Amino acid sequence: MSKDELVYRVAREIRLLQQSFDAFDEAAAGRLGINRTDLRALDVVLGHGPVTAGELTAALRLSPAATTTVIDRLERVGLVARTRDAANRRRVLVEATEAARAAERRIYRPVGEAGLRALTRYDHGQLETIVDFLTTARAVQQEHAERMATEPAG
């Protein structure tokens, strides 16, 4: 297979991987009874610990009003709770509940463990190449997400 053919195959596999991530996220959101935006918000809260609504707004790139609606929905289904910051009682934090942590273990742990097992087949040098590729791919995606957010529609 030529280098050009291999590059095309990698690009195709990335597209299929993204589709598989989307399908998994859709299934996870359905299992939790929430929508995909709510799932993204829950992922931020689970991944970063307690966050302010402003931090969540920035991470999700939503308006403050939309973020409040997301938090309200997640709170209603018992996946997040609003708490007061012990250091600053005026500051409200959004944190994952034990129900959210249990759902994370039930839904994401099996796929994480399977992924870790799959990675054991690669040697040290291959893993370094994979990390480099993933870092580069994420930077490309972020750059173009920012481009799409700032360039005029049309």
Protein backbone atom coordinates (compact mmCIF):
# COMPACT_ATOMS: atom_id res chain seq x y z
CA MET A 1 0.00 0.00 0.00
CA SER A 2 1.40 3.40 -0.95
CA LYS A 3 1.87 6.18 1.60
CA ASP A 4 -0.97 8.16 0.00
CA GLU A 5 -3.27 5.13 0.25
CA LEU A 6 -2.25 4.61 3.86
CA VAL A 7 -2.88 8.27 4.71
CA TYR A 8 -6.33 7.98 3.12
CA ARG A 9 -7.00 4.80 5.11
CA VAL A 10 -5.98 6.50 8.37
CA ALA A 11 -8.28 9.44 7.56
CA ARG A 12 -11.15 7.03 6.86
CA GLU A 13 -10.53 5.15 10.10
CA ILE A 14 -10.56 8.44 12.03
CA ARG A 15 -13.95 9.26 10.51
CA LEU A 16 -15.28 5.81 11.46
CA LEU A 17 -13.81 6.16 14.95
CA GLN A 18 -15.59 9.49 15.39
CA GLN A 19 -18.84 7.87 14.27
CA SER A 20 -18.32 5.09 16.82
CA PHE A 21 -17.72 7.68 19.56
CA ASP A 22 -20.92 9.45 18.52
CA ALA A 23 -22.89 6.19 18.58
CA PHE A 24 -21.51 5.31 22.03
CA ASP A 25 -22.30 8.79 23.38
CA GLU A 26 -25.83 8.57 21.97
CA ALA A 27 -26.31 5.19 23.64
CA ALA A 28 -24.86 6.47 26.94
CA ALA A 29 -27.09 9.56 26.89
CA GLY A 30 -30.09 7.36 26.15
CA ARG A 31 -29.22 5.03 29.01
CA LEU A 32 -29.01 8.02 31.36
CA GLY A 33 -32.19 9.61 30.01
CA ILE A 34 -30.42 12.82 29.02
CA ASN A 35 -29.48 14.56 25.78
CA ARG A 36 -26.02 14.83 24.25
CA THR A 37 -25.41 18.38 25.52
CA ASP A 38 -26.25 17.25 29.03
CA LEU A 39 -23.86 14.31 28.58
CA ARG A 40 -21.09 16.69 27.53
CA ALA A 41 -21.73 18.79 30.63
CA LEU A 42 -21.71 15.72 32.86
CA ASP A 43 -18.40 14.65 31.32
CA VAL A 44 -16.89 18.03 32.21
CA VAL A 45 -18.13 17.80 35.79
CA LEU A 46 -16.96 14.19 36.17
CA GLY A 47 -13.59 14.97 34.60
CA HIS A 48 -12.79 18.21 36.38
CA GLY A 49 -14.48 17.85 39.73
CA PRO A 50 -16.72 20.58 41.07
CA VAL A 51 -16.96 23.50 38.62
CA THR A 52 -18.71 26.82 38.61
CA ALA A 53 -21.50 27.49 36.14
CA GLY A 54 -19.16 29.96 34.42
CA GLU A 55 -16.47 27.32 34.00
CA LEU A 56 -19.06 24.94 32.60
CA THR A 57 -20.32 27.64 30.23
CA ALA A 58 -16.79 28.16 28.89
CA ALA A 59 -16.10 24.43 28.55
CA LEU A 60 -19.34 23.78 26.69
CA ARG A 61 -19.31 27.03 24.69
CA LEU A 62 -22.91 27.70 25.62
CA SER A 63 -24.64 30.83 26.81
CA PRO A 64 -25.01 31.25 30.57
CA ALA A 65 -28.78 30.76 30.23
CA ALA A 66 -28.34 27.53 28.28
CA THR A 67 -25.83 26.28 30.85
CA THR A 68 -28.29 26.97 33.66
CA THR A 69 -30.90 24.93 31.78
CA VAL A 70 -28.42 22.05 31.38
CA ILE A 71 -27.54 22.15 35.09
CA ASP A 72 -31.24 22.22 36.00
CA ARG A 73 -31.91 19.13 33.85
CA LEU A 74 -28.94 17.22 35.26
CA GLU A 75 -29.93 18.18 38.79
CA ARG A 76 -33.53 17.03 38.15
CA VAL A 77 -32.35 13.53 37.15
CA GLY A 78 -29.97 13.35 40.12
CA LEU A 79 -26.64 13.45 38.26
CA VAL A 80 -25.32 16.77 39.61
CA ALA A 81 -25.89 18.90 42.67
CA ARG A 82 -25.32 22.57 43.31
CA THR A 83 -23.21 23.16 46.42
CA ARG A 84 -21.67 26.16 48.11
CA ASP A 85 -17.93 26.62 47.86
CA ALA A 86 -16.54 26.21 51.39
CA ALA A 87 -13.92 28.91 50.72
CA ASN A 88 -16.40 31.42 49.26
CA ARG A 89 -19.99 30.93 50.36
CA ARG A 90 -21.29 33.19 47.56
CA ARG A 91 -19.84 30.87 44.93
CA VAL A 92 -21.95 27.94 43.78
CA LEU A 93 -20.31 24.79 42.45
CA VAL A 94 -21.76 22.06 40.28
CA GLU A 95 -20.58 18.60 41.28
CA ALA A 96 -21.30 15.05 40.26
CA THR A 97 -23.49 12.98 42.54
CA GLU A 98 -22.79 9.42 43.61
CA ALA A 99 -25.44 8.37 41.06
CA ALA A 100 -23.35 10.03 38.34
CA ARG A 101 -20.18 8.31 39.58
CA ALA A 102 -21.99 4.94 39.60
CA ALA A 103 -23.25 5.55 36.05
CA GLU A 104 -19.73 6.48 34.97
CA ARG A 105 -18.41 3.20 36.39
CA ARG A 106 -21.23 1.17 34.80
CA ILE A 107 -21.11 2.82 31.36
CA TYR A 108 -17.53 3.98 30.81
CA ARG A 109 -15.36 1.62 32.88
CA PRO A 110 -15.92 -1.42 30.61
CA VAL A 111 -14.95 0.48 27.46
CA GLY A 112 -11.98 2.05 29.24
CA GLU A 113 -10.73 -1.31 30.44
CA ALA A 114 -11.17 -2.83 26.97
CA GLY A 115 -9.25 0.10 25.47
CA LEU A 116 -6.40 -0.34 27.95
CA ARG A 117 -6.22 -4.05 27.15
CA ALA A 118 -6.12 -3.27 23.42
CA LEU A 119 -3.23 -0.83 23.93
CA THR A 120 -1.06 -3.51 25.56
CA ARG A 121 -0.37 -5.01 22.12
CA TYR A 122 1.74 -1.96 21.18
CA ASP A 123 5.37 -1.51 22.19
CA HIS A 124 6.77 1.61 23.86
CA GLY A 125 7.76 3.32 20.59
CA GLN A 126 4.38 2.62 18.99
CA LEU A 127 2.60 4.03 22.05
CA GLU A 128 4.71 7.20 21.81
CA THR A 129 3.68 7.50 18.14
CA ILE A 130 0.03 7.00 19.06
CA VAL A 131 0.25 9.70 21.76
CA ASP A 132 1.91 12.06 19.27
CA PHE A 133 -0.76 11.34 16.66
CA LEU A 134 -3.62 11.84 19.11
CA THR A 135 -2.11 15.09 20.42
CA THR A 136 -1.68 16.37 16.87
CA ALA A 137 -5.17 15.28 15.83
CA ARG A 138 -6.73 16.98 18.87
CA ALA A 139 -4.82 20.22 18.13
CA VAL A 140 -6.06 20.16 14.53
CA GLN A 141 -9.65 19.62 15.70
CA GLN A 142 -9.44 22.41 18.28
CA GLU A 143 -7.96 24.80 15.75
CA HIS A 144 -10.77 24.15 13.31
CA ALA A 145 -13.47 24.26 15.98
CA GLU A 146 -12.22 27.75 16.83
CA ARG A 147 -12.15 28.64 13.14
CA MET A 148 -15.76 27.54 12.74
CA ALA A 149 -16.79 29.48 15.83
CA THR A 150 -15.23 32.72 14.61
CA GLU A 151 -15.68 32.74 10.85
CA PRO A 152 -18.89 34.13 9.38
CA ALA A 153 -21.54 31.60 8.38
CA GLY A 154 -22.19 31.10 4.75
